[in-house]
Full PDB file with SEQRES, HELIX, SHEET, SSBOND, CRYST1, ORIGX, SCALE, CONECT and MASTER records, all heavy atoms in Angstrom:
SEQRES   1 A   34  GLN ALA GLU VAL GLN ARG ALA LEU SER SER SER GLY VAL          
SEQRES   2 A   34  PRO SER ALA GLU ARG PHE GLN CYS TRP ALA LYS ALA ILE          
SEQRES   3 A   34  ASP HIS PRO THR GLU VAL SER ALA                              
HELIX    1 AA1 ALA A   16  LYS A   24  1                                   9    
CRYST1    1.000    1.000    1.000  90.00  90.00  90.00 P 1           1          
ORIGX1      1.000000  0.000000  0.000000        0.00000                         
ORIGX2      0.000000  1.000000  0.000000        0.00000                         
ORIGX3      0.000000  0.000000  1.000000        0.00000                         
SCALE1      1.000000  0.000000  0.000000        0.00000                         
SCALE2      0.000000  1.000000  0.000000        0.00000                         
SCALE3      0.000000  0.000000  1.000000        0.00000                         
ATOM      1  N   GLN A   1      25.835 -11.831  -9.121  1.00  0.00           N  
ATOM      2  CA  GLN A   1      24.940 -11.443 -10.223  1.00  0.00           C  
ATOM      3  C   GLN A   1      25.487 -11.876 -11.596  1.00  0.00           C  
ATOM      4  O   GLN A   1      26.675 -11.591 -11.797  1.00  0.00           O  
ATOM      5  CB  GLN A   1      24.699  -9.937 -10.176  1.00  0.00           C  
ATOM      6  CG  GLN A   1      24.131  -9.470  -8.869  1.00  0.00           C  
ATOM      7  CD  GLN A   1      22.811 -10.082  -8.515  1.00  0.00           C  
ATOM      8  OE1 GLN A   1      21.877 -10.137  -9.435  1.00  0.00           O  
ATOM      9  NE2 GLN A   1      22.617 -10.427  -7.306  1.00  0.00           N  
ATOM     10  N   ALA A   2      24.695 -12.471 -12.424  1.00  0.00           N  
ATOM     11  CA  ALA A   2      25.206 -12.883 -13.685  1.00  0.00           C  
ATOM     12  C   ALA A   2      24.491 -12.215 -14.885  1.00  0.00           C  
ATOM     13  O   ALA A   2      23.318 -12.096 -14.939  1.00  0.00           O  
ATOM     14  CB  ALA A   2      24.959 -14.430 -13.909  1.00  0.00           C  
ATOM     15  N   GLU A   3      25.343 -11.740 -15.810  1.00  0.00           N  
ATOM     16  CA  GLU A   3      24.903 -11.255 -17.091  1.00  0.00           C  
ATOM     17  C   GLU A   3      25.089 -12.455 -18.000  1.00  0.00           C  
ATOM     18  O   GLU A   3      26.077 -13.158 -18.032  1.00  0.00           O  
ATOM     19  CB  GLU A   3      25.772 -10.191 -17.550  1.00  0.00           C  
ATOM     20  CG  GLU A   3      25.490  -9.814 -19.069  1.00  0.00           C  
ATOM     21  CD  GLU A   3      26.522  -8.940 -19.709  1.00  0.00           C  
ATOM     22  OE1 GLU A   3      27.296  -8.171 -18.979  1.00  0.00           O  
ATOM     23  OE2 GLU A   3      26.576  -9.001 -20.939  1.00  0.00           O  
ATOM     24  N   VAL A   4      23.990 -12.879 -18.724  1.00  0.00           N  
ATOM     25  CA  VAL A   4      24.065 -14.011 -19.552  1.00  0.00           C  
ATOM     26  C   VAL A   4      24.016 -13.669 -21.049  1.00  0.00           C  
ATOM     27  O   VAL A   4      23.178 -12.855 -21.430  1.00  0.00           O  
ATOM     28  CB  VAL A   4      22.934 -15.028 -19.255  1.00  0.00           C  
ATOM     29  CG1 VAL A   4      22.943 -16.230 -20.133  1.00  0.00           C  
ATOM     30  CG2 VAL A   4      22.835 -15.395 -17.802  1.00  0.00           C  
ATOM     31  N   GLN A   5      24.974 -14.163 -21.829  1.00  0.00           N  
ATOM     32  CA  GLN A   5      24.984 -13.961 -23.258  1.00  0.00           C  
ATOM     33  C   GLN A   5      24.803 -15.356 -23.986  1.00  0.00           C  
ATOM     34  O   GLN A   5      25.538 -16.268 -23.650  1.00  0.00           O  
ATOM     35  CB  GLN A   5      26.320 -13.402 -23.685  1.00  0.00           C  
ATOM     36  CG  GLN A   5      26.650 -12.001 -23.002  1.00  0.00           C  
ATOM     37  CD  GLN A   5      28.024 -11.550 -23.444  1.00  0.00           C  
ATOM     38  OE1 GLN A   5      28.795 -12.282 -24.020  1.00  0.00           O  
ATOM     39  NE2 GLN A   5      28.305 -10.346 -23.052  1.00  0.00           N  
ATOM     40  N   ARG A   6      23.913 -15.324 -24.910  1.00  0.00           N  
ATOM     41  CA  ARG A   6      23.757 -16.625 -25.736  1.00  0.00           C  
ATOM     42  C   ARG A   6      24.260 -16.231 -27.083  1.00  0.00           C  
ATOM     43  O   ARG A   6      23.654 -15.471 -27.868  1.00  0.00           O  
ATOM     44  CB  ARG A   6      22.294 -16.960 -25.708  1.00  0.00           C  
ATOM     45  CG  ARG A   6      21.789 -17.503 -24.438  1.00  0.00           C  
ATOM     46  CD  ARG A   6      20.217 -17.692 -24.408  1.00  0.00           C  
ATOM     47  NE  ARG A   6      19.913 -18.688 -25.344  1.00  0.00           N  
ATOM     48  CZ  ARG A   6      19.182 -19.676 -25.088  1.00  0.00           C  
ATOM     49  NH1 ARG A   6      18.575 -19.818 -23.944  1.00  0.00           N  
ATOM     50  NH2 ARG A   6      18.836 -20.570 -25.996  1.00  0.00           N  
ATOM     51  N   ALA A   7      25.314 -16.974 -27.458  1.00  0.00           N  
ATOM     52  CA  ALA A   7      25.923 -16.711 -28.778  1.00  0.00           C  
ATOM     53  C   ALA A   7      25.523 -17.854 -29.773  1.00  0.00           C  
ATOM     54  O   ALA A   7      26.266 -18.029 -30.751  1.00  0.00           O  
ATOM     55  CB  ALA A   7      27.495 -16.667 -28.593  1.00  0.00           C  
ATOM     56  N   LEU A   8      24.463 -18.439 -29.514  1.00  0.00           N  
ATOM     57  CA  LEU A   8      24.029 -19.472 -30.384  1.00  0.00           C  
ATOM     58  C   LEU A   8      22.551 -19.607 -30.267  1.00  0.00           C  
ATOM     59  O   LEU A   8      21.933 -19.177 -29.254  1.00  0.00           O  
ATOM     60  CB  LEU A   8      24.633 -20.896 -30.184  1.00  0.00           C  
ATOM     61  CG  LEU A   8      24.240 -21.692 -28.964  1.00  0.00           C  
ATOM     62  CD1 LEU A   8      24.728 -23.108 -28.979  1.00  0.00           C  
ATOM     63  CD2 LEU A   8      24.649 -20.990 -27.674  1.00  0.00           C  
ATOM     64  N   SER A   9      21.905 -20.149 -31.252  1.00  0.00           N  
ATOM     65  CA  SER A   9      20.380 -20.368 -31.137  1.00  0.00           C  
ATOM     66  C   SER A   9      20.034 -21.786 -31.209  1.00  0.00           C  
ATOM     67  O   SER A   9      19.552 -22.393 -32.095  1.00  0.00           O  
ATOM     68  CB  SER A   9      19.716 -19.698 -32.413  1.00  0.00           C  
ATOM     69  OG  SER A   9      20.211 -20.243 -33.508  1.00  0.00           O  
ATOM     70  N   SER A  10      20.457 -22.530 -30.014  1.00  0.00           N  
ATOM     71  CA  SER A  10      20.305 -23.896 -29.822  1.00  0.00           C  
ATOM     72  C   SER A  10      19.129 -24.145 -28.926  1.00  0.00           C  
ATOM     73  O   SER A  10      19.047 -23.543 -27.838  1.00  0.00           O  
ATOM     74  CB  SER A  10      21.531 -24.513 -29.254  1.00  0.00           C  
ATOM     75  OG  SER A  10      21.366 -25.901 -28.951  1.00  0.00           O  
ATOM     76  N   SER A  11      18.219 -24.992 -29.393  1.00  0.00           N  
ATOM     77  CA  SER A  11      17.108 -25.361 -28.486  1.00  0.00           C  
ATOM     78  C   SER A  11      17.531 -26.181 -27.333  1.00  0.00           C  
ATOM     79  O   SER A  11      18.652 -26.957 -27.451  1.00  0.00           O  
ATOM     80  CB  SER A  11      15.971 -26.047 -29.216  1.00  0.00           C  
ATOM     81  OG  SER A  11      16.453 -27.269 -29.666  1.00  0.00           O  
ATOM     82  N   GLY A  12      16.965 -26.063 -26.189  1.00  0.00           N  
ATOM     83  CA  GLY A  12      17.364 -26.839 -25.081  1.00  0.00           C  
ATOM     84  C   GLY A  12      18.289 -26.129 -24.100  1.00  0.00           C  
ATOM     85  O   GLY A  12      18.506 -26.611 -22.981  1.00  0.00           O  
ATOM     86  N   VAL A  13      18.878 -24.968 -24.581  1.00  0.00           N  
ATOM     87  CA  VAL A  13      19.653 -24.236 -23.630  1.00  0.00           C  
ATOM     88  C   VAL A  13      18.795 -23.463 -22.563  1.00  0.00           C  
ATOM     89  O   VAL A  13      17.851 -22.841 -22.972  1.00  0.00           O  
ATOM     90  CB  VAL A  13      20.605 -23.221 -24.368  1.00  0.00           C  
ATOM     91  CG1 VAL A  13      21.351 -22.353 -23.475  1.00  0.00           C  
ATOM     92  CG2 VAL A  13      21.554 -23.975 -25.411  1.00  0.00           C  
ATOM     93  N   PRO A  14      19.138 -23.678 -21.296  1.00  0.00           N  
ATOM     94  CA  PRO A  14      18.255 -22.993 -20.338  1.00  0.00           C  
ATOM     95  C   PRO A  14      18.215 -21.471 -20.478  1.00  0.00           C  
ATOM     96  O   PRO A  14      19.011 -20.880 -21.132  1.00  0.00           O  
ATOM     97  CB  PRO A  14      18.921 -23.383 -18.969  1.00  0.00           C  
ATOM     98  CG  PRO A  14      19.745 -24.686 -19.301  1.00  0.00           C  
ATOM     99  CD  PRO A  14      20.242 -24.414 -20.752  1.00  0.00           C  
ATOM    100  N   SER A  15      17.170 -20.912 -19.878  1.00  0.00           N  
ATOM    101  CA  SER A  15      17.009 -19.531 -20.009  1.00  0.00           C  
ATOM    102  C   SER A  15      18.032 -18.746 -19.136  1.00  0.00           C  
ATOM    103  O   SER A  15      18.711 -19.264 -18.294  1.00  0.00           O  
ATOM    104  CB  SER A  15      15.594 -19.188 -19.380  1.00  0.00           C  
ATOM    105  OG  SER A  15      15.468 -19.405 -18.010  1.00  0.00           O  
ATOM    106  N   ALA A  16      18.129 -17.460 -19.541  1.00  0.00           N  
ATOM    107  CA  ALA A  16      19.063 -16.601 -18.743  1.00  0.00           C  
ATOM    108  C   ALA A  16      18.727 -16.575 -17.206  1.00  0.00           C  
ATOM    109  O   ALA A  16      19.584 -16.628 -16.343  1.00  0.00           O  
ATOM    110  CB  ALA A  16      18.983 -15.102 -19.327  1.00  0.00           C  
ATOM    111  N   GLU A  17      17.452 -16.673 -16.965  1.00  0.00           N  
ATOM    112  CA  GLU A  17      16.953 -16.675 -15.576  1.00  0.00           C  
ATOM    113  C   GLU A  17      17.587 -17.918 -14.777  1.00  0.00           C  
ATOM    114  O   GLU A  17      17.844 -17.850 -13.586  1.00  0.00           O  
ATOM    115  CB  GLU A  17      15.446 -16.547 -15.481  1.00  0.00           C  
ATOM    116  CG  GLU A  17      14.872 -15.271 -15.870  1.00  0.00           C  
ATOM    117  CD  GLU A  17      14.826 -15.129 -17.468  1.00  0.00           C  
ATOM    118  OE1 GLU A  17      14.897 -16.150 -18.178  1.00  0.00           O  
ATOM    119  OE2 GLU A  17      14.754 -13.939 -17.910  1.00  0.00           O  
ATOM    120  N   ARG A  18      17.573 -19.064 -15.426  1.00  0.00           N  
ATOM    121  CA  ARG A  18      18.093 -20.265 -14.840  1.00  0.00           C  
ATOM    122  C   ARG A  18      19.633 -20.096 -14.470  1.00  0.00           C  
ATOM    123  O   ARG A  18      20.043 -20.411 -13.420  1.00  0.00           O  
ATOM    124  CB  ARG A  18      17.928 -21.502 -15.754  1.00  0.00           C  
ATOM    125  CG  ARG A  18      16.548 -21.879 -15.960  1.00  0.00           C  
ATOM    126  CD  ARG A  18      15.701 -22.195 -14.668  1.00  0.00           C  
ATOM    127  NE  ARG A  18      16.309 -23.296 -13.915  1.00  0.00           N  
ATOM    128  CZ  ARG A  18      16.189 -23.443 -12.628  1.00  0.00           C  
ATOM    129  NH1 ARG A  18      15.593 -22.598 -11.889  1.00  0.00           N  
ATOM    130  NH2 ARG A  18      16.721 -24.477 -12.071  1.00  0.00           N  
ATOM    131  N   PHE A  19      20.400 -19.614 -15.517  1.00  0.00           N  
ATOM    132  CA  PHE A  19      21.891 -19.300 -15.223  1.00  0.00           C  
ATOM    133  C   PHE A  19      22.028 -18.316 -14.048  1.00  0.00           C  
ATOM    134  O   PHE A  19      22.868 -18.549 -13.175  1.00  0.00           O  
ATOM    135  CB  PHE A  19      22.416 -18.769 -16.470  1.00  0.00           C  
ATOM    136  CG  PHE A  19      22.748 -19.806 -17.537  1.00  0.00           C  
ATOM    137  CD1 PHE A  19      21.835 -20.010 -18.554  1.00  0.00           C  
ATOM    138  CD2 PHE A  19      23.823 -20.629 -17.504  1.00  0.00           C  
ATOM    139  CE1 PHE A  19      22.051 -20.963 -19.487  1.00  0.00           C  
ATOM    140  CE2 PHE A  19      24.078 -21.605 -18.452  1.00  0.00           C  
ATOM    141  CZ  PHE A  19      23.138 -21.747 -19.494  1.00  0.00           C  
ATOM    142  N   GLN A  20      21.082 -17.287 -13.985  1.00  0.00           N  
ATOM    143  CA  GLN A  20      21.190 -16.313 -12.972  1.00  0.00           C  
ATOM    144  C   GLN A  20      20.798 -16.938 -11.525  1.00  0.00           C  
ATOM    145  O   GLN A  20      21.563 -16.703 -10.581  1.00  0.00           O  
ATOM    146  CB  GLN A  20      20.324 -15.177 -13.248  1.00  0.00           C  
ATOM    147  CG  GLN A  20      20.812 -14.352 -14.370  1.00  0.00           C  
ATOM    148  CD  GLN A  20      19.703 -13.445 -15.055  1.00  0.00           C  
ATOM    149  OE1 GLN A  20      18.548 -13.556 -14.766  1.00  0.00           O  
ATOM    150  NE2 GLN A  20      20.198 -12.517 -15.884  1.00  0.00           N  
ATOM    151  N   CYS A  21      19.902 -17.878 -11.495  1.00  0.00           N  
ATOM    152  CA  CYS A  21      19.536 -18.556 -10.347  1.00  0.00           C  
ATOM    153  C   CYS A  21      20.718 -19.393  -9.846  1.00  0.00           C  
ATOM    154  O   CYS A  21      21.030 -19.381  -8.614  1.00  0.00           O  
ATOM    155  CB  CYS A  21      18.302 -19.450 -10.655  1.00  0.00           C  
ATOM    156  SG  CYS A  21      17.874 -20.528  -9.257  1.00  0.00           S  
ATOM    157  N   TRP A  22      21.430 -20.142 -10.707  1.00  0.00           N  
ATOM    158  CA  TRP A  22      22.471 -20.936 -10.343  1.00  0.00           C  
ATOM    159  C   TRP A  22      23.694 -20.131  -9.796  1.00  0.00           C  
ATOM    160  O   TRP A  22      24.300 -20.502  -8.866  1.00  0.00           O  
ATOM    161  CB  TRP A  22      22.979 -21.821 -11.514  1.00  0.00           C  
ATOM    162  CG  TRP A  22      21.965 -22.750 -12.132  1.00  0.00           C  
ATOM    163  CD1 TRP A  22      20.915 -23.328 -11.393  1.00  0.00           C  
ATOM    164  CD2 TRP A  22      21.689 -23.147 -13.472  1.00  0.00           C  
ATOM    165  NE1 TRP A  22      20.097 -24.064 -12.199  1.00  0.00           N  
ATOM    166  CE2 TRP A  22      20.563 -23.962 -13.505  1.00  0.00           C  
ATOM    167  CE3 TRP A  22      22.423 -22.792 -14.619  1.00  0.00           C  
ATOM    168  CZ2 TRP A  22      20.111 -24.496 -14.652  1.00  0.00           C  
ATOM    169  CZ3 TRP A  22      21.927 -23.392 -15.786  1.00  0.00           C  
ATOM    170  CH2 TRP A  22      20.827 -24.254 -15.884  1.00  0.00           C  
ATOM    171  N   ALA A  23      23.880 -19.001 -10.407  1.00  0.00           N  
ATOM    172  CA  ALA A  23      24.966 -18.127  -9.955  1.00  0.00           C  
ATOM    173  C   ALA A  23      24.681 -17.528  -8.546  1.00  0.00           C  
ATOM    174  O   ALA A  23      25.490 -17.521  -7.703  1.00  0.00           O  
ATOM    175  CB  ALA A  23      25.110 -16.920 -10.980  1.00  0.00           C  
ATOM    176  N   LYS A  24      23.409 -17.197  -8.312  1.00  0.00           N  
ATOM    177  CA  LYS A  24      23.033 -16.670  -7.071  1.00  0.00           C  
ATOM    178  C   LYS A  24      23.113 -17.661  -5.902  1.00  0.00           C  
ATOM    179  O   LYS A  24      23.182 -17.369  -4.766  1.00  0.00           O  
ATOM    180  CB  LYS A  24      21.622 -16.095  -7.166  1.00  0.00           C  
ATOM    181  CG  LYS A  24      21.545 -14.781  -7.958  1.00  0.00           C  
ATOM    182  CD  LYS A  24      20.115 -14.223  -8.033  1.00  0.00           C  
ATOM    183  CE  LYS A  24      20.069 -13.070  -8.773  1.00  0.00           C  
ATOM    184  NZ  LYS A  24      18.719 -12.475  -8.978  1.00  0.00           N  
ATOM    185  N   ALA A  25      23.106 -19.006  -6.312  1.00  0.00           N  
ATOM    186  CA  ALA A  25      23.158 -20.035  -5.285  1.00  0.00           C  
ATOM    187  C   ALA A  25      24.522 -20.223  -4.654  1.00  0.00           C  
ATOM    188  O   ALA A  25      24.668 -20.889  -3.644  1.00  0.00           O  
ATOM    189  CB  ALA A  25      22.800 -21.384  -5.917  1.00  0.00           C  
ATOM    190  N   ILE A  26      25.516 -19.617  -5.110  1.00  0.00           N  
ATOM    191  CA  ILE A  26      26.897 -19.707  -4.716  1.00  0.00           C  
ATOM    192  C   ILE A  26      27.081 -18.618  -3.561  1.00  0.00           C  
ATOM    193  O   ILE A  26      26.950 -17.413  -3.970  1.00  0.00           O  
ATOM    194  CB  ILE A  26      27.952 -19.530  -5.730  1.00  0.00           C  
ATOM    195  CG1 ILE A  26      27.733 -20.547  -6.802  1.00  0.00           C  
ATOM    196  CG2 ILE A  26      29.368 -19.404  -5.202  1.00  0.00           C  
ATOM    197  CD1 ILE A  26      28.610 -20.468  -8.000  1.00  0.00           C  
ATOM    198  N   ASP A  27      27.340 -18.974  -2.413  1.00  0.00           N  
ATOM    199  CA  ASP A  27      27.498 -18.061  -1.326  1.00  0.00           C  
ATOM    200  C   ASP A  27      28.771 -17.149  -1.531  1.00  0.00           C  
ATOM    201  O   ASP A  27      29.813 -17.680  -1.935  1.00  0.00           O  
ATOM    202  CB  ASP A  27      27.693 -18.788   0.095  1.00  0.00           C  
ATOM    203  CG  ASP A  27      26.474 -19.418   0.437  1.00  0.00           C  
ATOM    204  OD1 ASP A  27      25.303 -18.904   0.101  1.00  0.00           O  
ATOM    205  OD2 ASP A  27      26.532 -20.478   1.128  1.00  0.00           O  
ATOM    206  N   HIS A  28      28.676 -15.842  -1.356  1.00  0.00           N  
ATOM    207  CA  HIS A  28      29.723 -14.966  -1.509  1.00  0.00           C  
ATOM    208  C   HIS A  28      29.518 -13.796  -0.490  1.00  0.00           C  
ATOM    209  O   HIS A  28      28.396 -13.346  -0.350  1.00  0.00           O  
ATOM    210  CB  HIS A  28      29.908 -14.402  -2.923  1.00  0.00           C  
ATOM    211  CG  HIS A  28      31.211 -13.848  -3.181  1.00  0.00           C  
ATOM    212  ND1 HIS A  28      31.414 -12.484  -3.005  1.00  0.00           N  
ATOM    213  CD2 HIS A  28      32.305 -14.334  -3.671  1.00  0.00           C  
ATOM    214  CE1 HIS A  28      32.661 -12.182  -3.245  1.00  0.00           C  
ATOM    215  NE2 HIS A  28      33.248 -13.240  -3.695  1.00  0.00           N  
ATOM    216  N   PRO A  29      30.642 -13.395   0.243  1.00  0.00           N  
ATOM    217  CA  PRO A  29      30.515 -12.400   1.221  1.00  0.00           C  
ATOM    218  C   PRO A  29      30.043 -10.998   0.701  1.00  0.00           C  
ATOM    219  O   PRO A  29      29.579 -10.171   1.483  1.00  0.00           O  
ATOM    220  CB  PRO A  29      31.862 -12.359   1.907  1.00  0.00           C  
ATOM    221  CG  PRO A  29      32.766 -12.933   0.862  1.00  0.00           C  
ATOM    222  CD  PRO A  29      32.046 -13.885   0.081  1.00  0.00           C  
ATOM    223  N   THR A  30      30.283 -10.707  -0.587  1.00  0.00           N  
ATOM    224  CA  THR A  30      29.888  -9.336  -1.123  1.00  0.00           C  
ATOM    225  C   THR A  30      29.154  -9.568  -2.423  1.00  0.00           C  
ATOM    226  O   THR A  30      29.196 -10.695  -2.980  1.00  0.00           O  
ATOM    227  CB  THR A  30      31.184  -8.571  -1.354  1.00  0.00           C  
ATOM    228  OG1 THR A  30      32.048  -9.227  -2.358  1.00  0.00           O  
ATOM    229  CG2 THR A  30      31.949  -8.257  -0.104  1.00  0.00           C  
ATOM    230  N   GLU A  31      28.577  -8.592  -2.867  1.00  0.00           N  
ATOM    231  CA  GLU A  31      27.807  -8.526  -4.242  1.00  0.00           C  
ATOM    232  C   GLU A  31      28.853  -8.425  -5.237  1.00  0.00           C  
ATOM    233  O   GLU A  31      29.638  -7.474  -5.237  1.00  0.00           O  
ATOM    234  CB  GLU A  31      26.878  -7.400  -4.227  1.00  0.00           C  
ATOM    235  CG  GLU A  31      25.932  -7.449  -5.339  1.00  0.00           C  
ATOM    236  CD  GLU A  31      24.727  -8.333  -5.131  1.00  0.00           C  
ATOM    237  OE1 GLU A  31      24.467  -8.711  -3.924  1.00  0.00           O  
ATOM    238  OE2 GLU A  31      24.096  -8.696  -6.025  1.00  0.00           O  
ATOM    239  N   VAL A  32      28.901  -9.330  -6.223  1.00  0.00           N  
ATOM    240  CA  VAL A  32      29.872  -9.487  -7.295  1.00  0.00           C  
ATOM    241  C   VAL A  32      29.062  -9.789  -8.544  1.00  0.00           C  
ATOM    242  O   VAL A  32      27.969 -10.290  -8.446  1.00  0.00           O  
ATOM    243  CB  VAL A  32      31.066 -10.305  -7.041  1.00  0.00           C  
ATOM    244  CG1 VAL A  32      31.973  -9.792  -5.958  1.00  0.00           C  
ATOM    245  CG2 VAL A  32      30.577 -11.739  -6.693  1.00  0.00           C  
ATOM    246  N   SER A  33      29.826  -9.651  -9.633  1.00  0.00           N  
ATOM    247  CA  SER A  33      29.056  -9.961 -10.944  1.00  0.00           C  
ATOM    248  C   SER A  33      30.026 -10.817 -11.746  1.00  0.00           C  
ATOM    249  O   SER A  33      31.261 -10.863 -11.588  1.00  0.00           O  
ATOM    250  CB  SER A  33      28.661  -8.713 -11.682  1.00  0.00           C  
ATOM    251  OG  SER A  33      29.809  -7.984 -12.018  1.00  0.00           O  
ATOM    252  N   ALA A  34      29.450 -11.460 -12.792  1.00  0.00           N  
ATOM    253  CA  ALA A  34      30.239 -12.311 -13.772  1.00  0.00           C  
ATOM    254  C   ALA A  34      29.423 -12.334 -15.004  1.00  0.00           C  
ATOM    255  O   ALA A  34      28.154 -12.166 -14.969  1.00  0.00           O  
ATOM    256  CB  ALA A  34      30.497 -13.659 -13.170  1.00  0.00           C  
TER     257      ALA A  34                                                      
MASTER        0    0    0    1    0    0    0    6  256    1    0    3          
END                                                                             
């Protein structure tokens, strides 16, 4: 599970949902966060 922080206002940076999707695509035996 990913918490996403955007410390800049740059156009073209993917949405928080995209980063969360990418994080969830990594197999892990337990529920963890980053």
